[in-house]
């Protein structure tokens, strides 16, 4: 059974930092791409960042580029999202999601895939991030 469990959310002041973790199990981690999405109140789900465990490619939404860093630890099957210089508009529930890298998705070429929730079959339950001004 595929499981994705997020942790690390919390309340932080603007300008602060958080590290989110996504612990994966039940599938061959090295064959998957993992993405972080977020959903703010009243808004649609937004792709934030993703990493391809097959090719090592990383991509970021324009709104977080330069502030967030995604990384993958294949020894522990965990993907991290380091979030720095947080802003109130980063407030959202953050979800990690997984998709197998095969066929047309053998390489993670751009953010377009990572911004498309329908591409991802498996999801965690989310972790709340709240940034106060």
Protein backbone atom coordinates (compact mmCIF):
# COMPACT_ATOMS: atom_id res chain seq x y z
CA UNK A 1 0.00 0.00 0.00
CA UNK A 2 1.36 3.37 -1.03
CA UNK A 3 1.67 5.78 1.85
CA UNK A 4 2.80 9.37 1.91
CA UNK A 5 2.96 11.11 5.27
CA UNK A 6 3.72 14.81 5.58
CA UNK A 7 5.09 16.47 8.67
CA UNK A 8 6.85 19.64 9.73
CA UNK A 9 4.11 22.20 9.31
CA UNK A 10 3.38 24.83 11.90
CA UNK A 11 3.01 28.50 12.72
CA UNK A 12 5.88 30.80 11.83
CA UNK A 13 6.37 34.53 11.49
CA UNK A 14 6.99 36.14 8.14
CA UNK A 15 10.63 35.79 7.19
CA UNK A 16 10.96 32.54 9.08
CA UNK A 17 11.72 29.03 7.90
CA UNK A 18 10.20 25.57 8.04
CA UNK A 19 11.21 22.15 6.78
CA UNK A 20 8.48 19.87 5.55
CA UNK A 21 9.02 16.13 5.26
CA UNK A 22 7.23 13.57 3.12
CA UNK A 23 7.86 10.01 4.26
CA UNK A 24 7.08 7.49 1.52
CA UNK A 25 6.46 3.77 1.71
CA UNK A 26 4.84 0.98 -0.26
CA UNK A 27 6.50 1.65 -3.61
CA UNK A 28 9.92 1.77 -5.26
CA UNK A 29 10.90 5.27 -4.23
CA UNK A 30 13.71 5.56 -6.79
CA UNK A 31 11.24 5.13 -9.68
CA UNK A 32 8.96 7.97 -8.68
CA UNK A 33 8.69 11.71 -8.90
CA UNK A 34 7.49 13.44 -5.75
CA UNK A 35 5.77 16.79 -5.79
CA UNK A 36 4.62 19.29 -3.21
CA UNK A 37 1.28 21.00 -3.74
CA UNK A 38 -0.50 23.48 -1.53
CA UNK A 39 -4.05 24.67 -1.11
CA UNK A 40 -4.77 28.00 0.51
CA UNK A 41 -8.25 28.81 1.83
CA UNK A 42 -10.58 29.66 -1.04
CA UNK A 43 -7.97 28.86 -3.69
CA UNK A 44 -7.22 25.99 -6.02
CA UNK A 45 -4.51 23.49 -5.36
CA UNK A 46 -1.17 24.84 -6.58
CA UNK A 47 1.96 22.97 -7.57
CA UNK A 48 4.91 24.20 -5.52
CA UNK A 49 7.89 22.01 -6.37
CA UNK A 50 8.85 18.54 -7.50
CA UNK A 51 11.81 16.22 -7.77
CA UNK A 52 12.42 13.26 -10.03
CA UNK A 53 14.09 10.41 -8.19
CA UNK A 54 15.13 8.82 -11.52
CA UNK A 55 16.81 11.84 -13.05
CA UNK A 56 17.35 14.16 -10.08
CA UNK A 57 15.57 17.03 -11.80
CA UNK A 58 13.97 19.66 -9.61
CA UNK A 59 11.42 22.32 -10.50
CA UNK A 60 9.77 25.17 -8.66
CA UNK A 61 6.78 27.41 -9.06
CA UNK A 62 7.77 30.97 -9.80
CA UNK A 63 6.24 32.13 -6.53
CA UNK A 64 8.68 30.07 -4.43
CA UNK A 65 11.80 29.95 -6.59
CA UNK A 66 14.83 31.11 -4.67
CA UNK A 67 13.11 30.62 -1.30
CA UNK A 68 12.17 26.92 -1.29
CA UNK A 69 14.46 23.94 -1.88
CA UNK A 70 13.31 20.39 -2.53
CA UNK A 71 15.54 17.39 -1.84
CA UNK A 72 15.24 13.63 -1.73
CA UNK A 73 16.88 11.12 0.62
CA UNK A 74 16.76 7.72 -1.04
CA UNK A 75 18.20 6.04 2.04
CA UNK A 76 15.14 6.97 4.09
CA UNK A 77 12.57 7.36 1.28
CA UNK A 78 11.90 10.92 2.37
CA UNK A 79 11.47 14.11 0.38
CA UNK A 80 12.06 17.44 2.08
CA UNK A 81 10.88 20.93 1.30
CA UNK A 82 13.01 23.59 2.94
CA UNK A 83 11.06 26.83 3.02
CA UNK A 84 12.87 30.07 3.77
CA UNK A 85 11.79 33.71 3.86
CA UNK A 86 8.21 32.61 4.33
CA UNK A 87 5.44 35.05 3.50
CA UNK A 88 1.82 35.22 4.64
CA UNK A 89 0.77 34.17 1.13
CA UNK A 90 2.57 30.87 1.69
CA UNK A 91 -0.09 29.95 4.24
CA UNK A 92 -1.77 26.75 3.06
CA UNK A 93 -2.12 23.04 3.59
CA UNK A 94 0.87 21.41 1.94
CA UNK A 95 0.52 17.98 0.35
CA UNK A 96 3.05 15.64 -1.15
CA UNK A 97 2.11 13.45 -4.09
CA UNK A 98 3.80 10.70 -6.09
CA UNK A 99 3.79 9.53 -9.69
CA UNK A 100 5.81 6.76 -11.29
CA UNK A 101 8.35 7.94 -13.84
CA UNK A 102 7.68 5.85 -16.93
CA UNK A 103 6.70 6.34 -20.53
CA UNK A 104 6.59 10.02 -21.37
CA UNK A 105 7.48 10.80 -17.77
CA UNK A 106 10.85 9.06 -17.65
CA UNK A 107 12.43 12.45 -17.17
CA UNK A 108 11.01 15.40 -15.29
CA UNK A 109 11.49 18.06 -17.91
CA UNK A 110 9.61 21.01 -16.51
CA UNK A 111 7.23 22.34 -13.90
CA UNK A 112 4.17 21.66 -16.06
CA UNK A 113 3.83 18.10 -14.80
CA UNK A 114 4.42 19.18 -11.23
CA UNK A 115 1.66 21.77 -11.51
CA UNK A 116 -0.94 19.24 -12.67
CA UNK A 117 -2.62 17.41 -9.78
CA UNK A 118 -4.29 14.92 -12.12
CA UNK A 119 -0.86 13.53 -13.01
CA UNK A 120 -0.40 12.23 -9.46
CA UNK A 121 -2.12 9.09 -8.25
CA UNK A 122 -1.07 8.99 -4.63
CA UNK A 123 -1.39 11.76 -2.05
CA UNK A 124 -0.66 12.40 1.57
CA UNK A 125 -3.14 14.01 3.96
CA UNK A 126 -1.32 17.29 4.21
CA UNK A 127 0.33 19.46 6.83
CA UNK A 128 -0.75 22.99 7.72
CA UNK A 129 1.66 25.88 7.28
CA UNK A 130 0.60 29.24 8.69
CA UNK A 131 2.73 32.35 8.25
CA UNK A 132 1.81 35.34 10.34
CA UNK A 133 2.60 38.89 9.30
